[in-house]
Amino acid sequence: MLPSFPSGRTRLFNTPAVLGGRGFSLRPLDDGDLTWLRELYASTRADEMAMVPWLEAAKRAFLDQQFDLQHRHYLAEYADADFLAIEGDKQPIGRYYLLRQAPLHLLVDISLFPQTRGQGVGAELIRSSQAAAAAASCGMRLSVRTDNLRAQSLYLRLGFVPDDAETPATHLSMRWLP
């Protein structure tokens, strides 16, 4: 059984007005979201898995195992983070995990289903997080896969720069300061 998302959080991340005006909203995740979160995770690894010569059942078992491990890791390492569902028309379209702590807020994870990527949702969430971090006299940090050039490009446009922090060879650490 997977660990549960934290409940009863009083400090929530508000939906940025620009996104709210476009019909998007944020809400805390709960254990009833795990099914679609598995699908979301699988969608983020689709290109990678397409190159693996396994049966579909083996790919699915692997992705489910990886999701479980990631979920456990995030809840154990970032227990104080905001674990949020991103919704459009009351349907889940992604997740946003943000740990707000000084001196650098940590963007733990942002993932969107493929049909929503490239529409500015992620950029607006990050801009709003940057404004909140700046208001708290903090910066932000994140880690992105080295092969995720699209996300790296977004982060660079939003003012993040590569950081010298030690990360695995598969990831690039980035930071933003107000």
N, C-alpha and C. Protein backbone atom coordinates (compact mmCIF):
# COMPACT_ATOMS: atom_id res chain seq x y z
N MET A 1 0.84 -1.19 0.00
CA MET A 1 0.00 0.00 0.00
C MET A 1 0.89 1.25 0.00
N LEU A 2 0.52 2.19 -0.83
CA LEU A 2 1.29 3.42 -0.93
C LEU A 2 0.97 4.37 0.21
N PRO A 3 1.96 5.17 0.62
CA PRO A 3 1.68 6.18 1.65
C PRO A 3 0.69 7.22 1.12
N SER A 4 -0.05 7.81 2.04
CA SER A 4 -1.08 8.79 1.69
C SER A 4 -0.50 10.19 1.54
N PHE A 5 -1.16 10.97 0.72
CA PHE A 5 -0.83 12.38 0.62
C PHE A 5 -1.18 13.05 1.95
N PRO A 6 -0.44 14.11 2.31
CA PRO A 6 -0.79 14.85 3.53
C PRO A 6 -2.19 15.45 3.41
N SER A 7 -2.89 15.48 4.53
CA SER A 7 -4.24 16.08 4.50
C SER A 7 -4.30 17.24 5.47
N GLY A 8 -5.34 18.05 5.34
CA GLY A 8 -5.56 19.14 6.26
C GLY A 8 -4.58 20.30 6.13
N ARG A 9 -4.00 20.45 4.97
CA ARG A 9 -3.06 21.56 4.78
C ARG A 9 -3.82 22.88 4.77
N THR A 10 -3.35 23.83 5.56
CA THR A 10 -4.00 25.14 5.57
C THR A 10 -3.33 26.09 4.59
N ARG A 11 -2.07 25.84 4.29
CA ARG A 11 -1.32 26.70 3.37
C ARG A 11 -1.42 26.08 1.98
N LEU A 12 -2.24 26.63 1.16
CA LEU A 12 -2.42 26.10 -0.18
C LEU A 12 -1.93 27.10 -1.21
N PHE A 13 -1.54 26.57 -2.31
CA PHE A 13 -1.10 27.38 -3.44
C PHE A 13 -2.34 27.81 -4.20
N ASN A 14 -2.55 29.09 -4.35
CA ASN A 14 -3.72 29.58 -5.06
C ASN A 14 -3.53 29.45 -6.57
N THR A 15 -4.63 29.22 -7.24
CA THR A 15 -4.59 29.16 -8.70
C THR A 15 -4.26 30.55 -9.23
N PRO A 16 -3.21 30.67 -10.04
CA PRO A 16 -2.91 31.98 -10.63
C PRO A 16 -4.12 32.51 -11.41
N ALA A 17 -4.38 33.81 -11.29
CA ALA A 17 -5.55 34.43 -11.91
C ALA A 17 -5.61 34.17 -13.41
N VAL A 18 -4.45 34.22 -14.08
CA VAL A 18 -4.43 33.99 -15.53
C VAL A 18 -4.95 32.59 -15.86
N LEU A 19 -4.56 31.61 -15.06
CA LEU A 19 -5.02 30.24 -15.31
C LEU A 19 -6.48 30.07 -14.90
N GLY A 20 -6.86 30.68 -13.78
CA GLY A 20 -8.25 30.61 -13.35
C GLY A 20 -9.19 31.17 -14.41
N GLY A 21 -8.76 32.25 -15.04
CA GLY A 21 -9.56 32.85 -16.10
C GLY A 21 -9.67 31.97 -17.34
N ARG A 22 -8.77 31.03 -17.47
CA ARG A 22 -8.80 30.09 -18.60
C ARG A 22 -9.46 28.76 -18.22
N GLY A 23 -10.04 28.69 -17.02
CA GLY A 23 -10.76 27.50 -16.60
C GLY A 23 -9.92 26.46 -15.88
N PHE A 24 -8.70 26.81 -15.49
CA PHE A 24 -7.83 25.89 -14.77
C PHE A 24 -7.94 26.15 -13.27
N SER A 25 -7.66 25.12 -12.48
CA SER A 25 -7.67 25.28 -11.03
C SER A 25 -6.67 24.30 -10.41
N LEU A 26 -6.36 24.56 -9.14
CA LEU A 26 -5.48 23.70 -8.37
C LEU A 26 -6.24 23.20 -7.15
N ARG A 27 -5.92 21.98 -6.74
CA ARG A 27 -6.49 21.44 -5.51
C ARG A 27 -5.49 20.45 -4.92
N PRO A 28 -5.56 20.23 -3.60
CA PRO A 28 -4.67 19.25 -3.00
C PRO A 28 -4.98 17.84 -3.52
N LEU A 29 -3.94 17.07 -3.74
CA LEU A 29 -4.11 15.68 -4.16
C LEU A 29 -4.55 14.83 -2.97
N ASP A 30 -5.29 13.76 -3.26
CA ASP A 30 -5.62 12.77 -2.24
C ASP A 30 -5.43 11.39 -2.85
N ASP A 31 -5.60 10.38 -2.04
CA ASP A 31 -5.31 9.02 -2.49
C ASP A 31 -6.21 8.56 -3.63
N GLY A 32 -7.36 9.17 -3.79
CA GLY A 32 -8.24 8.85 -4.92
C GLY A 32 -7.67 9.28 -6.26
N ASP A 33 -6.60 10.06 -6.24
CA ASP A 33 -5.96 10.53 -7.47
C ASP A 33 -4.88 9.59 -7.99
N LEU A 34 -4.54 8.57 -7.24
CA LEU A 34 -3.39 7.74 -7.61
C LEU A 34 -3.54 7.06 -8.97
N THR A 35 -4.75 6.70 -9.36
CA THR A 35 -4.94 6.02 -10.65
C THR A 35 -4.53 6.92 -11.81
N TRP A 36 -5.06 8.15 -11.83
CA TRP A 36 -4.69 9.03 -12.95
C TRP A 36 -3.26 9.52 -12.82
N LEU A 37 -2.73 9.63 -11.60
CA LEU A 37 -1.33 10.01 -11.44
C LEU A 37 -0.40 8.96 -12.04
N ARG A 38 -0.78 7.68 -11.94
CA ARG A 38 0.00 6.60 -12.60
C ARG A 38 0.02 6.80 -14.11
N GLU A 39 -1.14 7.15 -14.65
CA GLU A 39 -1.24 7.37 -16.10
C GLU A 39 -0.41 8.59 -16.51
N LEU A 40 -0.47 9.63 -15.70
CA LEU A 40 0.33 10.82 -15.97
C LEU A 40 1.81 10.47 -15.97
N TYR A 41 2.25 9.74 -14.95
CA TYR A 41 3.66 9.34 -14.88
C TYR A 41 4.05 8.55 -16.13
N ALA A 42 3.22 7.60 -16.51
CA ALA A 42 3.51 6.79 -17.70
C ALA A 42 3.62 7.67 -18.94
N SER A 43 2.79 8.71 -19.02
CA SER A 43 2.84 9.59 -20.19
C SER A 43 4.15 10.36 -20.27
N THR A 44 4.77 10.63 -19.11
CA THR A 44 6.03 11.37 -19.11
C THR A 44 7.20 10.49 -19.55
N ARG A 45 6.99 9.18 -19.59
CA ARG A 45 8.05 8.26 -19.97
C ARG A 45 7.74 7.53 -21.28
N ALA A 46 6.70 7.97 -21.99
CA ALA A 46 6.24 7.28 -23.20
C ALA A 46 7.31 7.21 -24.27
N ASP A 47 8.00 8.31 -24.54
CA ASP A 47 9.03 8.30 -25.59
C ASP A 47 10.15 7.33 -25.23
N GLU A 48 10.56 7.36 -24.00
CA GLU A 48 11.61 6.47 -23.53
C GLU A 48 11.18 5.00 -23.65
N MET A 49 9.97 4.70 -23.22
CA MET A 49 9.49 3.32 -23.23
C MET A 49 9.22 2.81 -24.65
N ALA A 50 8.95 3.72 -25.58
CA ALA A 50 8.71 3.30 -26.96
C ALA A 50 9.93 2.62 -27.57
N MET A 51 11.11 2.94 -27.06
CA MET A 51 12.34 2.36 -27.59
C MET A 51 12.73 1.05 -26.90
N VAL A 52 12.00 0.67 -25.87
CA VAL A 52 12.31 -0.55 -25.13
C VAL A 52 11.56 -1.73 -25.75
N PRO A 53 12.27 -2.81 -26.10
CA PRO A 53 11.63 -3.94 -26.80
C PRO A 53 10.95 -4.94 -25.84
N TRP A 54 10.16 -4.43 -24.91
CA TRP A 54 9.45 -5.29 -23.96
C TRP A 54 8.00 -5.43 -24.39
N LEU A 55 7.36 -6.46 -23.87
CA LEU A 55 5.92 -6.59 -24.04
C LEU A 55 5.25 -5.45 -23.29
N GLU A 56 4.07 -5.05 -23.75
CA GLU A 56 3.36 -3.93 -23.12
C GLU A 56 3.10 -4.20 -21.64
N ALA A 57 2.79 -5.44 -21.27
CA ALA A 57 2.53 -5.77 -19.87
C ALA A 57 3.79 -5.55 -19.02
N ALA A 58 4.95 -5.88 -19.57
CA ALA A 58 6.21 -5.67 -18.83
C ALA A 58 6.51 -4.19 -18.70
N LYS A 59 6.25 -3.41 -19.76
CA LYS A 59 6.44 -1.96 -19.67
C LYS A 59 5.54 -1.37 -18.60
N ARG A 60 4.29 -1.81 -18.58
CA ARG A 60 3.33 -1.27 -17.62
C ARG A 60 3.74 -1.62 -16.19
N ALA A 61 4.17 -2.86 -15.98
CA ALA A 61 4.61 -3.27 -14.64
C ALA A 61 5.81 -2.44 -14.20
N PHE A 62 6.73 -2.19 -15.11
CA PHE A 62 7.91 -1.37 -14.80
C PHE A 62 7.49 0.05 -14.44
N LEU A 63 6.62 0.64 -15.26
CA LEU A 63 6.18 2.02 -15.00
C LEU A 63 5.41 2.13 -13.69
N ASP A 64 4.58 1.14 -13.39
CA ASP A 64 3.86 1.15 -12.11
C ASP A 64 4.84 1.07 -10.94
N GLN A 65 5.85 0.23 -11.06
CA GLN A 65 6.86 0.11 -10.01
C GLN A 65 7.61 1.44 -9.84
N GLN A 66 7.99 2.05 -10.95
CA GLN A 66 8.72 3.32 -10.89
C GLN A 66 7.86 4.42 -10.28
N PHE A 67 6.58 4.46 -10.66
CA PHE A 67 5.67 5.44 -10.06
C PHE A 67 5.59 5.24 -8.55
N ASP A 68 5.42 3.99 -8.11
CA ASP A 68 5.33 3.71 -6.67
C ASP A 68 6.58 4.19 -5.95
N LEU A 69 7.75 3.90 -6.52
CA LEU A 69 9.00 4.33 -5.89
C LEU A 69 9.11 5.85 -5.83
N GLN A 70 8.74 6.51 -6.92
CA GLN A 70 8.80 7.97 -6.95
C GLN A 70 7.82 8.57 -5.94
N HIS A 71 6.63 8.03 -5.87
CA HIS A 71 5.61 8.52 -4.94
C HIS A 71 6.11 8.40 -3.50
N ARG A 72 6.65 7.25 -3.16
CA ARG A 72 7.18 7.03 -1.80
C ARG A 72 8.33 8.02 -1.51
N HIS A 73 9.21 8.19 -2.49
CA HIS A 73 10.35 9.10 -2.32
C HIS A 73 9.88 10.53 -2.09
N TYR A 74 8.97 11.00 -2.93
CA TYR A 74 8.49 12.38 -2.80
C TYR A 74 7.83 12.62 -1.44
N LEU A 75 7.00 11.68 -1.00
CA LEU A 75 6.31 11.87 0.28
C LEU A 75 7.28 11.78 1.45
N ALA A 76 8.30 10.96 1.36
CA ALA A 76 9.27 10.83 2.44
C ALA A 76 10.23 12.01 2.48
N GLU A 77 10.74 12.43 1.32
CA GLU A 77 11.76 13.48 1.27
C GLU A 77 11.19 14.89 1.30
N TYR A 78 9.98 15.06 0.82
CA TYR A 78 9.39 16.39 0.69
C TYR A 78 8.02 16.45 1.37
N ALA A 79 7.94 15.90 2.57
CA ALA A 79 6.66 15.77 3.28
C ALA A 79 5.94 17.10 3.46
N ASP A 80 6.68 18.21 3.52
CA ASP A 80 6.06 19.52 3.71
C ASP A 80 5.68 20.22 2.41
N ALA A 81 5.85 19.55 1.30
CA ALA A 81 5.53 20.15 0.00
C ALA A 81 4.02 20.24 -0.20
N ASP A 82 3.63 21.12 -1.10
CA ASP A 82 2.26 21.18 -1.58
C ASP A 82 2.16 20.19 -2.73
N PHE A 83 1.29 19.19 -2.60
CA PHE A 83 1.07 18.19 -3.64
C PHE A 83 -0.27 18.53 -4.28
N LEU A 84 -0.23 19.10 -5.47
CA LEU A 84 -1.42 19.68 -6.08
C LEU A 84 -1.79 19.03 -7.40
N ALA A 85 -3.09 18.88 -7.61
CA ALA A 85 -3.63 18.48 -8.91
C ALA A 85 -3.89 19.76 -9.69
N ILE A 86 -3.55 19.72 -10.97
CA ILE A 86 -3.90 20.80 -11.89
C ILE A 86 -5.11 20.29 -12.67
N GLU A 87 -6.17 21.07 -12.66
CA GLU A 87 -7.39 20.65 -13.35
C GLU A 87 -7.79 21.65 -14.40
N GLY A 88 -8.39 21.14 -15.46
CA GLY A 88 -9.00 21.94 -16.51
C GLY A 88 -10.39 21.40 -16.73
N ASP A 89 -11.39 22.22 -16.63
CA ASP A 89 -12.78 21.78 -16.73
C ASP A 89 -13.07 20.65 -15.74
N LYS A 90 -12.52 20.78 -14.54
CA LYS A 90 -12.71 19.83 -13.44
C LYS A 90 -12.16 18.43 -13.73
N GLN A 91 -11.30 18.34 -14.73
CA GLN A 91 -10.63 17.08 -15.05
C GLN A 91 -9.14 17.23 -14.79
N PRO A 92 -8.48 16.21 -14.25
CA PRO A 92 -7.05 16.33 -14.00
C PRO A 92 -6.25 16.42 -15.29
N ILE A 93 -5.35 17.39 -15.32
CA ILE A 93 -4.48 17.55 -16.49
C ILE A 93 -3.01 17.49 -16.10
N GLY A 94 -2.73 17.47 -14.78
CA GLY A 94 -1.34 17.42 -14.37
C GLY A 94 -1.18 17.50 -12.87
N ARG A 95 0.08 17.55 -12.47
CA ARG A 95 0.41 17.67 -11.05
C ARG A 95 1.49 18.72 -10.86
N TYR A 96 1.48 19.33 -9.66
CA TYR A 96 2.45 20.37 -9.32
C TYR A 96 2.86 20.17 -7.87
N TYR A 97 4.13 19.85 -7.65
CA TYR A 97 4.66 19.61 -6.31
C TYR A 97 5.67 20.70 -6.01
N LEU A 98 5.42 21.48 -4.97
CA LEU A 98 6.26 22.62 -4.63
C LEU A 98 6.55 22.63 -3.14
N LEU A 99 7.84 22.68 -2.80
CA LEU A 99 8.27 22.77 -1.41
C LEU A 99 8.74 24.19 -1.17
N ARG A 100 8.02 24.91 -0.31
CA ARG A 100 8.35 26.30 -0.02
C ARG A 100 9.15 26.36 1.28
N GLN A 101 10.45 26.59 1.11
CA GLN A 101 11.33 26.73 2.27
C GLN A 101 12.49 27.64 1.88
N ALA A 102 12.99 28.37 2.87
CA ALA A 102 14.12 29.28 2.62
C ALA A 102 15.41 28.46 2.56
N PRO A 103 16.37 28.91 1.81
CA PRO A 103 16.40 30.13 1.01
C PRO A 103 15.89 29.93 -0.41
N LEU A 104 15.71 28.67 -0.82
CA LEU A 104 15.26 28.38 -2.19
C LEU A 104 14.06 27.44 -2.17
N HIS A 105 12.95 27.90 -2.70
CA HIS A 105 11.80 27.01 -2.85
C HIS A 105 12.19 25.95 -3.88
N LEU A 106 11.70 24.75 -3.69
CA LEU A 106 12.04 23.64 -4.58
C LEU A 106 10.83 23.24 -5.41
N LEU A 107 10.97 23.34 -6.72
CA LEU A 107 9.97 22.80 -7.62
C LEU A 107 10.28 21.31 -7.74
N VAL A 108 9.57 20.51 -6.96
CA VAL A 108 9.83 19.07 -6.88
C VAL A 108 9.44 18.41 -8.19
N ASP A 109 8.24 18.73 -8.69
CA ASP A 109 7.76 18.08 -9.92
C ASP A 109 6.65 18.92 -10.54
N ILE A 110 6.69 18.98 -11.84
CA ILE A 110 5.56 19.50 -12.61
C ILE A 110 5.42 18.58 -13.81
N SER A 111 4.23 18.03 -13.97
CA SER A 111 3.95 17.12 -15.08
C SER A 111 2.56 17.42 -15.61
N LEU A 112 2.45 17.43 -16.92
CA LEU A 112 1.17 17.65 -17.59
C LEU A 112 0.92 16.52 -18.58
N PHE A 113 -0.34 16.16 -18.76
CA PHE A 113 -0.67 15.20 -19.80
C PHE A 113 -0.30 15.79 -21.15
N PRO A 114 0.07 14.95 -22.11
CA PRO A 114 0.57 15.44 -23.42
C PRO A 114 -0.34 16.46 -24.10
N GLN A 115 -1.65 16.30 -24.03
CA GLN A 115 -2.56 17.21 -24.73
C GLN A 115 -2.58 18.61 -24.12
N THR A 116 -2.01 18.79 -22.93
CA THR A 116 -2.00 20.09 -22.27
C THR A 116 -0.64 20.77 -22.34
N ARG A 117 0.38 20.01 -22.67
CA ARG A 117 1.73 20.58 -22.73
C ARG A 117 1.81 21.65 -23.82
N GLY A 118 2.60 22.68 -23.57
CA GLY A 118 2.81 23.73 -24.56
C GLY A 118 1.73 24.79 -24.60
N GLN A 119 0.80 24.79 -23.65
CA GLN A 119 -0.28 25.77 -23.63
C GLN A 119 -0.07 26.88 -22.60
N GLY A 120 1.09 26.89 -21.97
CA GLY A 120 1.40 27.95 -21.02
C GLY A 120 0.98 27.68 -19.59
N VAL A 121 0.40 26.54 -19.31
CA VAL A 121 -0.05 26.23 -17.96
C VAL A 121 1.15 26.11 -17.02
N GLY A 122 2.13 25.33 -17.41
CA GLY A 122 3.32 25.16 -16.58
C GLY A 122 4.05 26.47 -16.37
N ALA A 123 4.22 27.24 -17.43
CA ALA A 123 4.92 28.52 -17.33
C ALA A 123 4.22 29.45 -16.35
N GLU A 124 2.90 29.50 -16.40
CA GLU A 124 2.16 30.39 -15.51
C GLU A 124 2.27 29.93 -14.06
N LEU A 125 2.22 28.63 -13.82
CA LEU A 125 2.39 28.12 -12.45
C LEU A 125 3.77 28.48 -11.91
N ILE A 126 4.78 28.32 -12.75
CA ILE A 126 6.14 28.63 -12.30
C ILE A 126 6.30 30.13 -12.06
N ARG A 127 5.76 30.96 -12.96
CA ARG A 127 5.83 32.42 -12.75
C ARG A 127 5.18 32.81 -11.42
N SER A 128 4.04 32.23 -11.14
CA SER A 128 3.35 32.52 -9.89
C SER A 128 4.19 32.06 -8.69
N SER A 129 4.83 30.91 -8.82
CA SER A 129 5.71 30.41 -7.75
C SER A 129 6.92 31.32 -7.57
N GLN A 130 7.44 31.83 -8.68
CA GLN A 130 8.56 32.77 -8.59
C GLN A 130 8.15 34.04 -7.86
N ALA A 131 6.97 34.54 -8.15
CA ALA A 131 6.49 35.75 -7.48
C ALA A 131 6.32 35.50 -5.98
N ALA A 132 5.77 34.34 -5.62
CA ALA A 132 5.60 34.01 -4.20
C ALA A 132 6.95 33.84 -3.52
N ALA A 133 7.89 33.21 -4.21
CA ALA A 133 9.24 33.05 -3.64
C ALA A 133 9.89 34.41 -3.43
N ALA A 134 9.79 35.27 -4.42
CA ALA A 134 10.38 36.61 -4.31
C ALA A 134 9.76 37.38 -3.15
N ALA A 135 8.45 37.26 -2.98
CA ALA A 135 7.77 37.95 -1.88
C ALA A 135 8.26 37.45 -0.52
N ALA A 136 8.75 36.22 -0.48
CA ALA A 136 9.29 35.64 0.75
C ALA A 136 10.81 35.79 0.82
N SER A 137 11.37 36.62 -0.06
CA SER A 137 12.82 36.83 -0.15
C SER A 137 13.56 35.53 -0.41
N CYS A 138 12.98 34.70 -1.25
CA CYS A 138 13.59 33.41 -1.60
C CYS A 138 13.75 33.31 -3.11
N GLY A 139 14.56 32.38 -3.52
CA GLY A 139 14.68 32.01 -4.91
C GLY A 139 14.01 30.66 -5.11
N MET A 140 14.33 30.04 -6.23
CA MET A 140 13.77 28.70 -6.52
C MET A 140 14.87 27.82 -7.09
N ARG A 141 14.67 26.53 -6.95
CA ARG A 141 15.57 25.56 -7.55
C ARG A 141 14.75 24.40 -8.09
N LEU A 142 15.36 23.67 -9.00
CA LEU A 142 14.71 22.50 -9.59
C LEU A 142 15.77 21.61 -10.20
N SER A 143 15.34 20.44 -10.57
CA SER A 143 16.20 19.49 -11.27
C SER A 143 15.41 18.99 -12.47
N VAL A 144 16.06 18.93 -13.63
CA VAL A 144 15.38 18.52 -14.86
C VAL A 144 16.24 17.49 -15.57
N ARG A 145 15.58 16.53 -16.19
CA ARG A 145 16.33 15.50 -16.94
C ARG A 145 17.14 16.18 -18.05
N THR A 146 18.36 15.71 -18.25
CA THR A 146 19.22 16.31 -19.27
C THR A 146 18.66 16.10 -20.67
N ASP A 147 17.84 15.08 -20.87
CA ASP A 147 17.26 14.84 -22.19
C ASP A 147 15.93 15.56 -22.40
N ASN A 148 15.46 16.32 -21.40
CA ASN A 148 14.20 17.05 -21.52
C ASN A 148 14.50 18.49 -21.95
N LEU A 149 14.86 18.62 -23.21
CA LEU A 149 15.26 19.93 -23.73
C LEU A 149 14.11 20.94 -23.75
N ARG A 150 12.91 20.46 -23.95
CA ARG A 150 11.74 21.35 -23.97
C ARG A 150 11.55 22.01 -22.60
N ALA A 151 11.65 21.22 -21.54
CA ALA A 151 11.51 21.79 -20.19
C ALA A 151 12.68 22.72 -19.88
N GLN A 152 13.88 22.31 -20.26
CA GLN A 152 15.05 23.17 -20.01
C GLN A 152 14.88 24.52 -20.69
N SER A 153 14.37 24.52 -21.90
CA SER A 153 14.13 25.76 -22.63
C SER A 153 13.14 26.65 -21.88
N LEU A 154 12.07 26.04 -21.37
CA LEU A 154 11.08 26.80 -20.59
C LEU A 154 11.74 27.41 -19.36
N TYR A 155 12.51 26.62 -18.63
CA TYR A 155 13.14 27.13 -17.41
C TYR A 155 14.11 28.26 -17.72
N LEU A 156 14.86 28.13 -18.80
CA LEU A 156 15.77 29.21 -19.19
C LEU A 156 15.00 30.48 -19.52
N ARG A 157 13.88 30.36 -20.24
CA ARG A 157 13.05 31.53 -20.56
C ARG A 157 12.51 32.19 -19.30
N LEU A 158 12.29 31.39 -18.25
CA LEU A 158 11.75 31.93 -17.01
C LEU A 158 12.85 32.42 -16.06
N GLY A 159 14.09 32.43 -16.54
CA GLY A 159 15.18 33.01 -15.76
C GLY A 159 15.98 32.04 -14.92
N PHE A 160 15.72 30.76 -15.02
CA PHE A 160 16.53 29.78 -14.30
C PHE A 160 17.87 29.63 -15.02
N VAL A 161 18.90 29.36 -14.25
CA VAL A 161 20.23 29.14 -14.81
C VAL A 161 20.78 27.83 -14.27
N PRO A 162 21.64 27.17 -15.05
CA PRO A 162 22.26 25.94 -14.54
C PRO A 162 23.02 26.24 -13.26
N ASP A 163 22.95 25.31 -12.34
CA ASP A 163 23.58 25.44 -11.02
C ASP A 163 24.72 24.44 -10.94
N ASP A 164 25.67 24.72 -10.09
CA ASP A 164 26.81 23.82 -9.91
C ASP A 164 26.51 22.71 -8.93
N ALA A 165 25.28 22.64 -8.43
CA ALA A 165 24.94 21.60 -7.45
C ALA A 165 25.16 20.22 -8.05
N GLU A 166 25.58 19.32 -7.19
CA GLU A 166 25.82 17.95 -7.65
C GLU A 166 24.48 17.26 -7.88
N THR A 167 24.29 16.78 -9.10
CA THR A 167 23.12 16.00 -9.46
C THR A 167 23.59 14.81 -10.26
N PRO A 168 22.75 13.78 -10.35
CA PRO A 168 23.15 12.63 -11.17
C PRO A 168 23.38 13.07 -12.62
N ALA A 169 24.16 12.29 -13.36
CA ALA A 169 24.48 12.64 -14.75
C ALA A 169 23.22 12.75 -15.61
N THR A 170 22.12 12.18 -15.16
CA THR A 170 20.88 12.21 -15.93
C THR A 170 20.09 13.50 -15.73
N HIS A 171 20.51 14.35 -14.78
CA HIS A 171 19.75 15.54 -14.44
C HIS A 171 20.62 16.80 -14.42
N LEU A 172 19.98 17.91 -14.64
CA LEU A 172 20.61 19.22 -14.57
C LEU A 172 19.94 19.98 -13.44
N SER A 173 20.71 20.50 -12.52
CA SER A 173 20.20 21.34 -11.45
C SER A 173 20.15 22.78 -11.95
N MET A 174 19.06 23.47 -11.65
CA MET A 174 18.89 24.85 -12.07
C MET A 174 18.37 25.67 -10.90
N ARG A 175 18.68 26.98 -10.90
CA ARG A 175 18.19 27.87 -9.85
C ARG A 175 17.74 29.18 -10.46
N TRP A 176 16.91 29.87 -9.70
CA TRP A 176 16.42 31.19 -10.07
C TRP A 176 16.48 32.06 -8.82
N LEU A 177 16.99 33.26 -8.99
CA LEU A 177 17.02 34.23 -7.90
C LEU A 177 16.28 35.48 -8.35
N PRO A 178 15.49 36.09 -7.44
CA PRO A 178 14.75 37.29 -7.82
C PRO A 178 15.68 38.47 -8.04
